[in-house]
Amino acid sequence: MNDLDTQTGQYKVTAHLFNFIDHLPQDKQYILYKQLIKGSVVTELFKLIIDMDEDEKIQLLERLGEVPYEEEPIRTINLDENESFMRENTRKVCQIPVKCNVEDHSFKSYIIDISTVGALIESNDRFPIGQQILMALRLPNHPNALELKGRIARSGPRGIAVKYFDLKRIHEELIRLFIKNNQ
């Protein structure tokens, strides 16, 4: 394959992404944008403001004085290669103690982000993707410990991302209530 073929392939992928994003609803575009900039919305806003002329800055300041703000729940868009659709899940930043078992390795840590489909567990250890994990945790809104099964979807410097499987309906509802009541 020569350089021209490589460039043409890259442009096709870029064009496909542009088309896909252009057809997303605006709220999903915003969620994707926040994920791409890794939550650094303030930094990106500062960059935009620096490029404004003084009149635009004054107009923005006036508009900001009129807008009431409500904090929105954190949402993520899963662009899993195995799924041809986008999935949106409300997530809750938290610090829930958790006991984990991955094969013959047991450790205690904290869930730092939870949703009804998965969790992010703080860990310096790396684990293979697809590895089964068992988690025992106690949600603040429920007196009994939950035992959840999952598979490691990602393992990186922030920790391990776990996608639940065989999640009991009652556990899903308890997690949903925890997220809803702690927004």
C-alpha atoms as a PDB file:
ATOM      1  CA  MET A   1       0.000   0.000   0.000  1.00  0.00           C
ATOM      2  CA  ASN A   2       1.438   3.371  -0.952  1.00  0.00           C
ATOM      3  CA  ASP A   3       1.143   6.720   0.841  1.00  0.00           C
ATOM      4  CA  LEU A   4      -1.778   7.837  -1.342  1.00  0.00           C
ATOM      5  CA  ASP A   5      -3.817   4.739  -0.406  1.00  0.00           C
ATOM      6  CA  THR A   6      -3.045   5.317   3.275  1.00  0.00           C
ATOM      7  CA  GLN A   7      -4.134   8.964   3.081  1.00  0.00           C
ATOM      8  CA  THR A   8      -7.321   8.065   1.186  1.00  0.00           C
ATOM      9  CA  GLY A   9      -8.201   5.499   3.867  1.00  0.00           C
ATOM     10  CA  GLN A  10      -7.635   8.073   6.609  1.00  0.00           C
ATOM     11  CA  TYR A  11      -9.882  10.575   4.845  1.00  0.00           C
ATOM     12  CA  LYS A  12     -12.657   7.983   4.509  1.00  0.00           C
ATOM     13  CA  VAL A  13     -12.535   7.294   8.248  1.00  0.00           C
ATOM     14  CA  THR A  14     -12.490  11.024   9.007  1.00  0.00           C
ATOM     15  CA  ALA A  15     -15.400  11.666   6.632  1.00  0.00           C
ATOM     16  CA  HIS A  16     -17.353   8.807   8.219  1.00  0.00           C
ATOM     17  CA  LEU A  17     -16.730  10.246  11.715  1.00  0.00           C
ATOM     18  CA  PHE A  18     -17.758  13.745  10.576  1.00  0.00           C
ATOM     19  CA  ASN A  19     -20.986  12.381   9.088  1.00  0.00           C
ATOM     20  CA  PHE A  20     -21.735  10.279  12.170  1.00  0.00           C
ATOM     21  CA  ILE A  21     -21.174  13.162  14.596  1.00  0.00           C
ATOM     22  CA  ASP A  22     -23.116  15.581  12.401  1.00  0.00           C
ATOM     23  CA  HIS A  23     -26.193  13.350  12.695  1.00  0.00           C
ATOM     24  CA  LEU A  24     -25.983  12.966  16.493  1.00  0.00           C
ATOM     25  CA  PRO A  25     -28.453  14.923  18.609  1.00  0.00           C
ATOM     26  CA  GLN A  26     -26.887  18.025  20.136  1.00  0.00           C
ATOM     27  CA  ASP A  27     -26.898  16.639  23.690  1.00  0.00           C
ATOM     28  CA  LYS A  28     -24.974  13.549  22.558  1.00  0.00           C
ATOM     29  CA  GLN A  29     -22.509  15.769  20.646  1.00  0.00           C
ATOM     30  CA  TYR A  30     -21.872  17.688  23.867  1.00  0.00           C
ATOM     31  CA  ILE A  31     -21.353  14.487  25.865  1.00  0.00           C
ATOM     32  CA  LEU A  32     -18.919  13.195  23.244  1.00  0.00           C
ATOM     33  CA  TYR A  33     -17.097  16.549  23.232  1.00  0.00           C
ATOM     34  CA  LYS A  34     -16.674  16.415  27.022  1.00  0.00           C
ATOM     35  CA  GLN A  35     -15.252  12.908  26.746  1.00  0.00           C
ATOM     36  CA  LEU A  36     -12.839  13.863  23.954  1.00  0.00           C
ATOM     37  CA  ILE A  37     -11.429  16.786  25.928  1.00  0.00           C
ATOM     38  CA  LYS A  38     -11.330  14.540  29.017  1.00  0.00           C
ATOM     39  CA  GLY A  39     -13.552  16.835  31.023  1.00  0.00           C
ATOM     40  CA  SER A  40     -11.369  19.931  30.519  1.00  0.00           C
ATOM     41  CA  VAL A  41     -14.360  22.058  29.524  1.00  0.00           C
ATOM     42  CA  VAL A  42     -13.038  25.077  31.435  1.00  0.00           C
ATOM     43  CA  THR A  43      -9.709  24.983  29.593  1.00  0.00           C
ATOM     44  CA  GLU A  44     -11.471  24.736  26.232  1.00  0.00           C
ATOM     45  CA  LEU A  45     -13.819  27.604  27.156  1.00  0.00           C
ATOM     46  CA  PHE A  46     -10.838  29.751  28.152  1.00  0.00           C
ATOM     47  CA  LYS A  47      -9.224  29.078  24.767  1.00  0.00           C
ATOM     48  CA  LEU A  48     -12.415  30.153  22.976  1.00  0.00           C
ATOM     49  CA  ILE A  49     -12.756  33.279  25.117  1.00  0.00           C
ATOM     50  CA  ILE A  50      -9.147  34.316  24.430  1.00  0.00           C
ATOM     51  CA  ASP A  51      -9.902  34.247  20.685  1.00  0.00           C
ATOM     52  CA  MET A  52     -12.960  36.531  21.079  1.00  0.00           C
ATOM     53  CA  ASP A  53     -12.817  40.235  20.460  1.00  0.00           C
ATOM     54  CA  GLU A  54     -13.869  42.588  23.294  1.00  0.00           C
ATOM     55  CA  ASP A  55     -17.454  43.047  22.017  1.00  0.00           C
ATOM     56  CA  GLU A  56     -18.006  39.281  21.902  1.00  0.00           C
ATOM     57  CA  LYS A  57     -16.631  38.959  25.449  1.00  0.00           C
ATOM     58  CA  ILE A  58     -19.020  41.661  26.704  1.00  0.00           C
ATOM     59  CA  GLN A  59     -21.990  39.971  24.954  1.00  0.00           C
ATOM     60  CA  LEU A  60     -21.017  36.621  26.504  1.00  0.00           C
ATOM     61  CA  LEU A  61     -20.760  38.191  29.942  1.00  0.00           C
ATOM     62  CA  GLU A  62     -24.233  39.714  29.554  1.00  0.00           C
ATOM     63  CA  ARG A  63     -25.718  36.384  28.419  1.00  0.00           C
ATOM     64  CA  LEU A  64     -24.082  34.544  31.317  1.00  0.00           C
ATOM     65  CA  GLY A  65     -25.763  36.900  33.781  1.00  0.00           C
ATOM     66  CA  GLU A  66     -29.174  35.854  32.416  1.00  0.00           C
ATOM     67  CA  VAL A  67     -28.714  32.055  32.374  1.00  0.00           C
ATOM     68  CA  PRO A  68     -29.610  29.959  35.428  1.00  0.00           C
ATOM     69  CA  TYR A  69     -27.392  26.878  35.702  1.00  0.00           C
ATOM     70  CA  GLU A  70     -28.274  23.468  37.031  1.00  0.00           C
ATOM     71  CA  GLU A  71     -25.631  20.817  37.387  1.00  0.00           C
ATOM     72  CA  GLU A  72     -26.291  17.913  35.017  1.00  0.00           C
ATOM     73  CA  PRO A  73     -25.501  14.296  35.870  1.00  0.00           C
ATOM     74  CA  ILE A  74     -22.331  12.910  34.337  1.00  0.00           C
ATOM     75  CA  ARG A  75     -23.130  10.826  31.279  1.00  0.00           C
ATOM     76  CA  THR A  76     -20.897   8.756  29.079  1.00  0.00           C
ATOM     77  CA  ILE A  77     -21.264   7.504  25.563  1.00  0.00           C
ATOM     78  CA  ASN A  78     -19.956   4.028  24.949  1.00  0.00           C
ATOM     79  CA  LEU A  79     -18.442   3.620  21.491  1.00  0.00           C
ATOM     80  CA  ASP A  80     -17.676  -0.072  21.979  1.00  0.00           C
ATOM     81  CA  GLU A  81     -16.383  -1.697  18.786  1.00  0.00           C
ATOM     82  CA  ASN A  82     -18.715  -4.651  19.372  1.00  0.00           C
ATOM     83  CA  GLU A  83     -21.800  -2.458  19.354  1.00  0.00           C
ATOM     84  CA  SER A  84     -23.095  -0.559  16.348  1.00  0.00           C
ATOM     85  CA  PHE A  85     -25.115   1.821  18.484  1.00  0.00           C
ATOM     86  CA  MET A  86     -24.319   4.451  21.073  1.00  0.00           C
ATOM     87  CA  ARG A  87     -25.395   3.913  24.640  1.00  0.00           C
ATOM     88  CA  GLU A  88     -25.818   6.653  27.184  1.00  0.00           C
ATOM     89  CA  ASN A  89     -25.638   5.938  30.917  1.00  0.00           C
ATOM     90  CA  THR A  90     -25.883   8.220  33.901  1.00  0.00           C
ATOM     91  CA  ARG A  91     -22.749   7.828  36.008  1.00  0.00           C
ATOM     92  CA  LYS A  92     -22.000   8.973  39.527  1.00  0.00           C
ATOM     93  CA  VAL A  93     -18.607  10.051  40.768  1.00  0.00           C
ATOM     94  CA  CYS A  94     -18.212   8.455  44.182  1.00  0.00           C
ATOM     95  CA  GLN A  95     -15.816   6.813  46.614  1.00  0.00           C
ATOM     96  CA  ILE A  96     -17.327   3.474  47.591  1.00  0.00           C
ATOM     97  CA  PRO A  97     -15.076   0.880  49.290  1.00  0.00           C
ATOM     98  CA  VAL A  98     -14.948  -2.372  47.306  1.00  0.00           C
ATOM     99  CA  LYS A  99     -13.345  -5.798  47.742  1.00  0.00           C
ATOM    100  CA  CYS A 100     -12.294  -7.341  44.429  1.00  0.00           C
ATOM    101  CA  ASN A 101     -11.251 -10.790  43.283  1.00  0.00           C
ATOM    102  CA  VAL A 102      -9.617 -11.223  39.883  1.00  0.00           C
ATOM    103  CA  GLU A 103      -8.650 -14.887  39.452  1.00  0.00           C
ATOM    104  CA  ASP A 104      -6.272 -15.558  42.376  1.00  0.00           C
ATOM    105  CA  HIS A 105      -5.634 -11.857  43.105  1.00  0.00           C
ATOM    106  CA  SER A 106      -7.711 -10.160  45.846  1.00  0.00           C
ATOM    107  CA  PHE A 107      -7.515  -6.492  46.746  1.00  0.00           C
ATOM    108  CA  LYS A 108      -9.437  -3.676  48.429  1.00  0.00           C
ATOM    109  CA  SER A 109      -9.956  -0.367  46.677  1.00  0.00           C
ATOM    110  CA  TYR A 110     -12.603   2.247  45.858  1.00  0.00           C
ATOM    111  CA  ILE A 111     -15.191   2.571  43.129  1.00  0.00           C
ATOM    112  CA  ILE A 112     -14.659   6.113  41.873  1.00  0.00           C
ATOM    113  CA  ASP A 113     -17.381   6.128  39.207  1.00  0.00           C
ATOM    114  CA  ILE A 114     -20.503   3.950  39.056  1.00  0.00           C
ATOM    115  CA  SER A 115     -23.431   3.374  36.695  1.00  0.00           C
ATOM    116  CA  THR A 116     -26.058   0.686  36.181  1.00  0.00           C
ATOM    117  CA  VAL A 117     -23.862  -1.036  33.573  1.00  0.00           C
ATOM    118  CA  GLY A 118     -20.390  -0.745  35.085  1.00  0.00           C
ATOM    119  CA  ALA A 119     -17.925   0.900  37.410  1.00  0.00           C
ATOM    120  CA  LEU A 120     -14.447   2.411  37.479  1.00  0.00           C
ATOM    121  CA  ILE A 121     -12.295   0.981  40.258  1.00  0.00           C
ATOM    122  CA  GLU A 122      -9.181   2.773  41.449  1.00  0.00           C
ATOM    123  CA  SER A 123      -6.181   0.471  40.955  1.00  0.00           C
ATOM    124  CA  ASN A 124      -2.489   0.686  40.136  1.00  0.00           C
ATOM    125  CA  ASP A 125      -2.553  -2.939  38.977  1.00  0.00           C
ATOM    126  CA  ARG A 126      -3.196  -3.806  35.351  1.00  0.00           C
ATOM    127  CA  PHE A 127      -5.457  -6.677  34.384  1.00  0.00           C
ATOM    128  CA  PRO A 128      -6.227  -8.325  31.045  1.00  0.00           C
ATOM    129  CA  ILE A 129      -9.314  -7.086  29.236  1.00  0.00           C
ATOM    130  CA  GLY A 130     -12.120  -9.632  29.438  1.00  0.00           C
ATOM    131  CA  GLN A 131     -10.916 -10.999  32.782  1.00  0.00           C
ATOM    132  CA  GLN A 132     -13.771 -11.825  35.162  1.00  0.00           C
ATOM    133  CA  ILE A 133     -13.949  -9.830  38.410  1.00  0.00           C
ATOM    134  CA  LEU A 134     -16.072 -10.312  41.523  1.00  0.00           C
ATOM    135  CA  MET A 135     -16.855  -7.220  43.593  1.00  0.00           C
ATOM    136  CA  ALA A 136     -18.311  -6.862  47.083  1.00  0.00           C
ATOM    137  CA  LEU A 137     -19.508  -3.385  48.048  1.00  0.00           C
ATOM    138  CA  ARG A 138     -22.011  -1.608  50.233  1.00  0.00           C
ATOM    139  CA  LEU A 139     -23.976   1.304  48.794  1.00  0.00           C
ATOM    140  CA  PRO A 140     -24.708   4.151  51.250  1.00  0.00           C
ATOM    141  CA  ASN A 141     -28.447   3.844  50.535  1.00  0.00           C
ATOM    142  CA  HIS A 142     -28.637   0.098  51.297  1.00  0.00           C
ATOM    143  CA  PRO A 143     -27.668  -1.795  54.479  1.00  0.00           C
ATOM    144  CA  ASN A 144     -26.663  -5.082  52.803  1.00  0.00           C
ATOM    145  CA  ALA A 145     -23.523  -5.768  50.809  1.00  0.00           C
ATOM    146  CA  LEU A 146     -23.877  -6.327  47.075  1.00  0.00           C
ATOM    147  CA  GLU A 147     -21.899  -8.968  45.254  1.00  0.00           C
ATOM    148  CA  LEU A 148     -21.504  -8.092  41.599  1.00  0.00           C
ATOM    149  CA  LYS A 149     -19.889  -9.956  38.718  1.00  0.00           C
ATOM    150  CA  GLY A 150     -18.196  -8.192  35.870  1.00  0.00           C
ATOM    151  CA  ARG A 151     -15.599  -8.305  33.149  1.00  0.00           C
ATOM    152  CA  ILE A 152     -12.712  -5.900  32.833  1.00  0.00           C
ATOM    153  CA  ALA A 153     -13.427  -3.637  29.877  1.00  0.00           C
ATOM    154  CA  ARG A 154     -10.376  -1.371  30.276  1.00  0.00           C
ATOM    155  CA  SER A 155      -7.300  -1.275  32.465  1.00  0.00           C
ATOM    156  CA  GLY A 156      -5.231   1.890  32.616  1.00  0.00           C
ATOM    157  CA  PRO A 157      -3.629   4.548  34.780  1.00  0.00           C
ATOM    158  CA  ARG A 158      -6.984   5.683  36.237  1.00  0.00           C
ATOM    159  CA  GLY A 159      -7.913   2.147  37.244  1.00  0.00           C
ATOM    160  CA  ILE A 160      -9.989  -0.668  35.860  1.00  0.00           C
ATOM    161  CA  ALA A 161     -13.280  -0.189  34.070  1.00  0.00           C
ATOM    162  CA  VAL A 162     -15.689  -3.030  34.745  1.00  0.00           C
ATOM    163  CA  LYS A 163     -18.798  -3.935  32.793  1.00  0.00           C
ATOM    164  CA  TYR A 164     -21.285  -5.945  34.874  1.00  0.00           C
ATOM    165  CA  PHE A 165     -22.806  -9.208  33.752  1.00  0.00           C
ATOM    166  CA  ASP A 166     -25.598 -11.255  35.337  1.00  0.00           C
ATOM    167  CA  LEU A 167     -26.586  -8.117  37.273  1.00  0.00           C
ATOM    168  CA  LYS A 168     -29.654  -8.799  39.397  1.00  0.00           C
ATOM    169  CA  ARG A 169     -32.553  -6.447  38.777  1.00  0.00           C
ATOM    170  CA  ILE A 170     -32.622  -5.426  42.457  1.00  0.00           C
ATOM    171  CA  HIS A 171     -28.918  -4.497  42.312  1.00  0.00           C
ATOM    172  CA  GLU A 172     -29.502  -2.421  39.172  1.00  0.00           C
ATOM    173  CA  GLU A 173     -32.354  -0.591  40.917  1.00  0.00           C
ATOM    174  CA  LEU A 174     -30.240   0.028  44.041  1.00  0.00           C
ATOM    175  CA  ILE A 175     -27.451   1.501  41.914  1.00  0.00           C
ATOM    176  CA  ARG A 176     -29.965   3.616  39.959  1.00  0.00           C
ATOM    177  CA  LEU A 177     -31.446   4.941  43.243  1.00  0.00           C
ATOM    178  CA  PHE A 178     -27.972   5.713  44.609  1.00  0.00           C
ATOM    179  CA  ILE A 179     -27.139   7.722  41.469  1.00  0.00           C
ATOM    180  CA  LYS A 180     -30.511   9.514  41.457  1.00  0.00           C
ATOM    181  CA  ASN A 181     -30.455  10.410  45.168  1.00  0.00           C
ATOM    182  CA  ASN A 182     -26.876  11.669  45.123  1.00  0.00           C
ATOM    183  CA  GLN A 183     -26.929  14.004  42.124  1.00  0.00           C
END
